[in-house]
Amino acid sequence: MDQIETRVDWFEVGKEHWDGNQERIKAICSAVEWIEPPCTLGFMQGECINTCIKEFKIPKVSHVAVSHELAPFGLCGIRGHYKNADVDFFVVDEGTHTSSLCAFVSEKADE
């Protein structure tokens, strides 16, 4: 299957972080360094990623990412693979809780 153009879906729950900053957020998310699990992360980042994988039921996770470019908040990314799309999920780690931020969705074209 070939990839179709990637779109960015913005989550309403994280609007306070992205509203008016979409271009900056897209640039930061596009520049994260993806790493393959198993990997070593800080406890809070690892818990954030594990919780998101479970709660959002993200399948076939192949990569994760952590960034401090949104300081004072953290940014965590999770790359999941669905039957019809590859999705990079991003959440903001606010220290006491996380907020869904956006998803880069690359739908797969039928061959």
Protein backbone atom coordinates (compact mmCIF):
# COMPACT_ATOMS: atom_id res chain seq x y z
CA MET A 1 0.00 0.00 0.00
CA ASP A 2 1.23 3.47 -0.85
CA GLN A 3 0.96 6.41 1.54
CA ILE A 4 -1.39 9.29 0.78
CA GLU A 5 -0.59 12.83 1.93
CA THR A 6 -0.30 13.26 5.69
CA ARG A 7 -2.92 15.38 7.45
CA VAL A 8 -2.85 16.81 10.96
CA ASP A 9 -5.88 16.29 13.18
CA TRP A 10 -6.06 18.68 16.15
CA PHE A 11 -7.70 17.44 19.36
CA GLU A 12 -10.14 19.81 21.05
CA VAL A 13 -8.98 18.79 24.53
CA GLY A 14 -5.51 20.25 23.80
CA LYS A 15 -6.76 23.43 22.14
CA GLU A 16 -5.21 25.69 24.79
CA HIS A 17 -1.78 24.44 23.65
CA TRP A 18 -2.22 24.56 19.87
CA ASP A 19 -4.74 27.33 19.20
CA GLY A 20 -2.88 29.96 17.20
CA ASN A 21 0.34 27.90 17.31
CA GLN A 22 -0.42 25.19 14.76
CA GLU A 23 2.56 25.92 12.49
CA ARG A 24 5.02 25.98 15.41
CA ILE A 25 3.55 22.76 16.86
CA LYS A 26 3.66 21.02 13.45
CA ALA A 27 7.33 21.99 13.06
CA ILE A 28 8.20 20.72 16.55
CA CYS A 29 6.32 17.45 16.04
CA SER A 30 7.90 16.95 12.60
CA ALA A 31 11.39 17.34 14.11
CA VAL A 32 11.13 14.90 17.04
CA GLU A 33 13.66 12.10 17.23
CA TRP A 34 11.80 8.79 17.06
CA ILE A 35 13.24 5.83 18.96
CA GLU A 36 12.28 2.18 18.86
CA PRO A 37 11.07 0.42 21.99
CA PRO A 38 12.32 -1.08 24.14
CA CYS A 39 14.16 2.08 25.14
CA THR A 40 15.16 4.01 28.23
CA LEU A 41 13.04 7.02 29.14
CA GLY A 42 12.42 9.02 32.26
CA PHE A 43 9.75 7.53 34.53
CA MET A 44 7.14 10.22 33.82
CA GLN A 45 7.65 10.14 30.05
CA GLY A 46 7.49 6.35 30.01
CA GLU A 47 4.32 6.32 32.11
CA CYS A 48 2.76 8.99 29.88
CA ILE A 49 3.49 6.96 26.75
CA ASN A 50 2.35 3.64 28.27
CA THR A 51 -0.88 5.17 29.54
CA CYS A 52 -1.66 6.73 26.16
CA ILE A 53 -1.01 3.45 24.35
CA LYS A 54 -3.42 1.64 26.67
CA GLU A 55 -6.14 4.31 26.90
CA PHE A 56 -6.21 5.11 23.18
CA LYS A 57 -5.64 1.45 22.20
CA ILE A 58 -2.83 2.40 19.82
CA PRO A 59 -1.93 -0.72 17.83
CA LYS A 60 1.47 -1.92 16.63
CA VAL A 61 3.54 0.80 18.28
CA SER A 62 6.88 0.97 16.48
CA HIS A 63 8.41 4.22 17.79
CA VAL A 64 8.11 6.74 20.61
CA ALA A 65 9.44 10.27 21.06
CA VAL A 66 10.04 12.76 23.86
CA SER A 67 10.72 16.46 23.38
CA HIS A 68 11.21 19.47 25.64
CA GLU A 69 10.56 22.02 22.86
CA LEU A 70 7.20 22.95 24.46
CA ALA A 71 8.80 23.85 27.80
CA PRO A 72 7.61 24.26 30.46
CA PHE A 73 5.55 21.32 29.19
CA GLY A 74 6.79 18.02 27.83
CA LEU A 75 5.81 16.51 24.50
CA CYS A 76 5.43 12.77 23.98
CA GLY A 77 4.87 11.04 20.66
CA ILE A 78 3.67 7.55 19.82
CA ARG A 79 3.76 6.03 16.32
CA GLY A 80 1.06 3.43 15.75
CA HIS A 81 0.15 1.42 12.69
CA TYR A 82 -3.45 0.72 11.77
CA LYS A 83 -4.73 -1.37 8.87
CA ASN A 84 -5.61 1.74 6.85
CA ALA A 85 -3.22 4.38 8.26
CA ASP A 86 0.00 5.12 10.10
CA VAL A 87 -0.56 7.64 12.90
CA ASP A 88 1.85 9.72 14.98
CA PHE A 89 0.01 10.76 18.16
CA PHE A 90 1.28 13.65 20.25
CA VAL A 91 0.33 14.54 23.81
CA VAL A 92 1.38 17.38 26.08
CA ASP A 93 2.72 16.31 29.47
CA GLU A 94 1.62 19.04 31.88
CA GLY A 95 3.24 17.42 34.91
CA THR A 96 0.00 16.51 36.69
CA HIS A 97 -1.85 15.22 33.63
CA THR A 98 -1.60 14.90 29.88
CA SER A 99 -3.64 16.52 27.12
CA SER A 100 -4.04 15.09 23.64
CA LEU A 101 -2.53 17.53 21.18
CA CYS A 102 -2.65 16.27 17.60
CA ALA A 103 -2.21 13.31 15.31
CA PHE A 104 -0.31 13.15 12.03
CA VAL A 105 -2.36 10.71 9.95
CA SER A 106 -0.90 9.06 6.84
CA GLU A 107 -3.66 7.05 5.24
CA LYS A 108 -2.69 4.10 3.09
CA ALA A 109 -3.90 3.93 -0.48
CA ASP A 110 -5.20 0.65 -1.81
CA GLU A 111 -2.91 -0.95 -4.33
